[in-house]
């Protein structure tokens, strides 16, 4: 084996702990937030991801939501279209949320409490 190849391998191995640390740092907030999430949040996570987490999402970060409980309930029950809805976030204007039917009032309050706690 040539000296150049040996040097490259040693150099690469030295960086593994750093890369592992960066990867762990990137996913740790999601792991912590996921442990707190109510079971019903699984359906929200598909588009919104976990509140305040780093990562891809196709809908607004719910930790940035300023909705009241009534507005949140309207959004869940009616989807993106309901009277008196505040202006849409510019980034997600093209995508509309469908109504989330079948949620009990207790689940809605639990979801809202979880989101408010994550702000």
C-alpha atoms as a PDB file:
ATOM      1  CA  UNK A   1       0.000   0.000   0.000  1.00  0.00           C
ATOM      2  CA  UNK A   2       1.391   3.388  -0.887  1.00  0.00           C
ATOM      3  CA  UNK A   3       2.028   5.975   1.856  1.00  0.00           C
ATOM      4  CA  UNK A   4      -0.538   8.313   0.298  1.00  0.00           C
ATOM      5  CA  UNK A   5      -3.389   5.795   0.664  1.00  0.00           C
ATOM      6  CA  UNK A   6      -2.472   5.115   4.295  1.00  0.00           C
ATOM      7  CA  UNK A   7      -2.495   8.807   5.093  1.00  0.00           C
ATOM      8  CA  UNK A   8      -5.914   9.259   3.497  1.00  0.00           C
ATOM      9  CA  UNK A   9      -7.421   6.379   5.470  1.00  0.00           C
ATOM     10  CA  UNK A  10      -6.061   7.613   8.804  1.00  0.00           C
ATOM     11  CA  UNK A  11      -7.311  11.086   8.018  1.00  0.00           C
ATOM     12  CA  UNK A  12     -10.769   9.777   7.177  1.00  0.00           C
ATOM     13  CA  UNK A  13     -10.991   7.669  10.335  1.00  0.00           C
ATOM     14  CA  UNK A  14     -10.146  10.679  12.438  1.00  0.00           C
ATOM     15  CA  UNK A  15     -13.245  12.460  11.144  1.00  0.00           C
ATOM     16  CA  UNK A  16     -15.753   9.725  12.034  1.00  0.00           C
ATOM     17  CA  UNK A  17     -16.339  10.919  15.617  1.00  0.00           C
ATOM     18  CA  UNK A  18     -16.932  14.448  14.343  1.00  0.00           C
ATOM     19  CA  UNK A  19     -19.358  13.250  11.671  1.00  0.00           C
ATOM     20  CA  UNK A  20     -21.171  11.071  14.204  1.00  0.00           C
ATOM     21  CA  UNK A  21     -21.471  14.058  16.549  1.00  0.00           C
ATOM     22  CA  UNK A  22     -22.913  16.235  13.795  1.00  0.00           C
ATOM     23  CA  UNK A  23     -25.431  13.545  12.824  1.00  0.00           C
ATOM     24  CA  UNK A  24     -26.481  13.048  16.443  1.00  0.00           C
ATOM     25  CA  UNK A  25     -26.845  16.798  16.941  1.00  0.00           C
ATOM     26  CA  UNK A  26     -29.078  16.991  13.849  1.00  0.00           C
ATOM     27  CA  UNK A  27     -31.512  14.286  14.959  1.00  0.00           C
ATOM     28  CA  UNK A  28     -31.483  14.802  18.741  1.00  0.00           C
ATOM     29  CA  UNK A  29     -34.189  17.531  18.814  1.00  0.00           C
ATOM     30  CA  UNK A  30     -36.521  15.265  16.850  1.00  0.00           C
ATOM     31  CA  UNK A  31     -35.908  12.370  19.234  1.00  0.00           C
ATOM     32  CA  UNK A  32     -36.638  14.534  22.281  1.00  0.00           C
ATOM     33  CA  UNK A  33     -39.737  16.133  20.783  1.00  0.00           C
ATOM     34  CA  UNK A  34     -41.035  12.819  19.467  1.00  0.00           C
ATOM     35  CA  UNK A  35     -41.041  11.332  22.962  1.00  0.00           C
ATOM     36  CA  UNK A  36     -43.498  14.027  24.108  1.00  0.00           C
ATOM     37  CA  UNK A  37     -45.834  13.853  21.113  1.00  0.00           C
ATOM     38  CA  UNK A  38     -49.341  12.511  21.609  1.00  0.00           C
ATOM     39  CA  UNK A  39     -50.096   9.414  19.510  1.00  0.00           C
ATOM     40  CA  UNK A  40     -52.559  11.334  17.346  1.00  0.00           C
ATOM     41  CA  UNK A  41     -49.727  13.678  16.245  1.00  0.00           C
ATOM     42  CA  UNK A  42     -48.488  10.940  13.902  1.00  0.00           C
ATOM     43  CA  UNK A  43     -50.985  12.124  11.268  1.00  0.00           C
ATOM     44  CA  UNK A  44     -49.734  15.743  11.594  1.00  0.00           C
ATOM     45  CA  UNK A  45     -46.090  14.745  11.443  1.00  0.00           C
ATOM     46  CA  UNK A  46     -46.391  13.516   7.861  1.00  0.00           C
ATOM     47  CA  UNK A  47     -46.608  17.108   6.598  1.00  0.00           C
ATOM     48  CA  UNK A  48     -45.624  19.320   9.537  1.00  0.00           C
ATOM     49  CA  UNK A  49     -42.799  17.197  11.019  1.00  0.00           C
ATOM     50  CA  UNK A  50     -42.211  17.675  14.766  1.00  0.00           C
ATOM     51  CA  UNK A  51     -42.630  21.250  16.050  1.00  0.00           C
ATOM     52  CA  UNK A  52     -39.329  23.125  16.093  1.00  0.00           C
ATOM     53  CA  UNK A  53     -37.418  20.249  14.509  1.00  0.00           C
ATOM     54  CA  UNK A  54     -34.859  20.508  11.765  1.00  0.00           C
ATOM     55  CA  UNK A  55     -35.835  18.642   8.669  1.00  0.00           C
ATOM     56  CA  UNK A  56     -38.044  18.569   5.609  1.00  0.00           C
ATOM     57  CA  UNK A  57     -41.671  19.524   5.856  1.00  0.00           C
ATOM     58  CA  UNK A  58     -44.348  20.290   3.290  1.00  0.00           C
ATOM     59  CA  UNK A  59     -46.475  22.379   5.661  1.00  0.00           C
ATOM     60  CA  UNK A  60     -45.733  25.130   8.218  1.00  0.00           C
ATOM     61  CA  UNK A  61     -43.850  24.408  11.443  1.00  0.00           C
ATOM     62  CA  UNK A  62     -46.602  24.179  14.054  1.00  0.00           C
ATOM     63  CA  UNK A  63     -44.345  25.606  16.769  1.00  0.00           C
ATOM     64  CA  UNK A  64     -44.558  28.922  14.882  1.00  0.00           C
ATOM     65  CA  UNK A  65     -48.366  28.873  14.847  1.00  0.00           C
ATOM     66  CA  UNK A  66     -50.166  31.728  16.569  1.00  0.00           C
ATOM     67  CA  UNK A  67     -53.609  30.137  16.309  1.00  0.00           C
ATOM     68  CA  UNK A  68     -55.942  30.183  19.291  1.00  0.00           C
ATOM     69  CA  UNK A  69     -57.613  26.920  20.298  1.00  0.00           C
ATOM     70  CA  UNK A  70     -60.748  27.902  18.339  1.00  0.00           C
ATOM     71  CA  UNK A  71     -58.718  28.736  15.218  1.00  0.00           C
ATOM     72  CA  UNK A  72     -56.765  25.489  15.578  1.00  0.00           C
ATOM     73  CA  UNK A  73     -60.027  23.539  15.913  1.00  0.00           C
ATOM     74  CA  UNK A  74     -61.404  25.282  12.791  1.00  0.00           C
ATOM     75  CA  UNK A  75     -58.256  24.421  10.838  1.00  0.00           C
ATOM     76  CA  UNK A  76     -58.499  20.752  11.817  1.00  0.00           C
ATOM     77  CA  UNK A  77     -62.224  20.376  11.249  1.00  0.00           C
ATOM     78  CA  UNK A  78     -62.508  22.436   8.042  1.00  0.00           C
ATOM     79  CA  UNK A  79     -59.051  22.166   6.518  1.00  0.00           C
ATOM     80  CA  UNK A  80     -57.535  25.237   4.911  1.00  0.00           C
ATOM     81  CA  UNK A  81     -60.871  26.866   4.077  1.00  0.00           C
ATOM     82  CA  UNK A  82     -62.840  28.408   6.928  1.00  0.00           C
ATOM     83  CA  UNK A  83     -64.371  31.862   7.552  1.00  0.00           C
ATOM     84  CA  UNK A  84     -62.183  34.302   9.461  1.00  0.00           C
ATOM     85  CA  UNK A  85     -58.952  32.419   8.797  1.00  0.00           C
ATOM     86  CA  UNK A  86     -55.799  34.568   9.242  1.00  0.00           C
ATOM     87  CA  UNK A  87     -53.659  35.195   6.111  1.00  0.00           C
ATOM     88  CA  UNK A  88     -51.767  32.177   4.835  1.00  0.00           C
ATOM     89  CA  UNK A  89     -48.055  31.792   5.254  1.00  0.00           C
ATOM     90  CA  UNK A  90     -46.479  32.796   1.952  1.00  0.00           C
ATOM     91  CA  UNK A  91     -44.248  29.723   1.690  1.00  0.00           C
ATOM     92  CA  UNK A  92     -47.142  27.238   1.827  1.00  0.00           C
ATOM     93  CA  UNK A  93     -49.848  29.119  -0.101  1.00  0.00           C
ATOM     94  CA  UNK A  94     -49.966  26.530  -2.878  1.00  0.00           C
ATOM     95  CA  UNK A  95     -50.813  23.613  -0.600  1.00  0.00           C
ATOM     96  CA  UNK A  96     -54.137  23.208   1.164  1.00  0.00           C
ATOM     97  CA  UNK A  97     -54.738  21.111   4.251  1.00  0.00           C
ATOM     98  CA  UNK A  98     -57.677  18.707   4.008  1.00  0.00           C
ATOM     99  CA  UNK A  99     -60.163  18.469   6.899  1.00  0.00           C
ATOM    100  CA  UNK A 100     -59.058  16.018   9.593  1.00  0.00           C
ATOM    101  CA  UNK A 101     -62.270  14.181  10.375  1.00  0.00           C
ATOM    102  CA  UNK A 102     -62.792  11.769  13.228  1.00  0.00           C
ATOM    103  CA  UNK A 103     -60.903  13.669  15.929  1.00  0.00           C
ATOM    104  CA  UNK A 104     -62.481  13.860  19.365  1.00  0.00           C
ATOM    105  CA  UNK A 105     -62.467  17.163  21.267  1.00  0.00           C
ATOM    106  CA  UNK A 106     -60.052  15.647  23.790  1.00  0.00           C
ATOM    107  CA  UNK A 107     -57.570  14.828  20.995  1.00  0.00           C
ATOM    108  CA  UNK A 108     -57.826  18.347  19.569  1.00  0.00           C
ATOM    109  CA  UNK A 109     -57.140  19.904  22.976  1.00  0.00           C
ATOM    110  CA  UNK A 110     -54.244  17.474  23.539  1.00  0.00           C
ATOM    111  CA  UNK A 111     -52.727  18.341  20.151  1.00  0.00           C
ATOM    112  CA  UNK A 112     -53.128  22.055  20.770  1.00  0.00           C
ATOM    113  CA  UNK A 113     -51.505  21.769  24.203  1.00  0.00           C
ATOM    114  CA  UNK A 114     -48.574  19.868  22.713  1.00  0.00           C
ATOM    115  CA  UNK A 115     -48.056  22.497  20.011  1.00  0.00           C
ATOM    116  CA  UNK A 116     -48.345  25.426  22.438  1.00  0.00           C
ATOM    117  CA  UNK A 117     -45.832  23.744  24.757  1.00  0.00           C
ATOM    118  CA  UNK A 118     -43.360  23.449  21.866  1.00  0.00           C
ATOM    119  CA  UNK A 119     -43.364  27.197  21.119  1.00  0.00           C
END
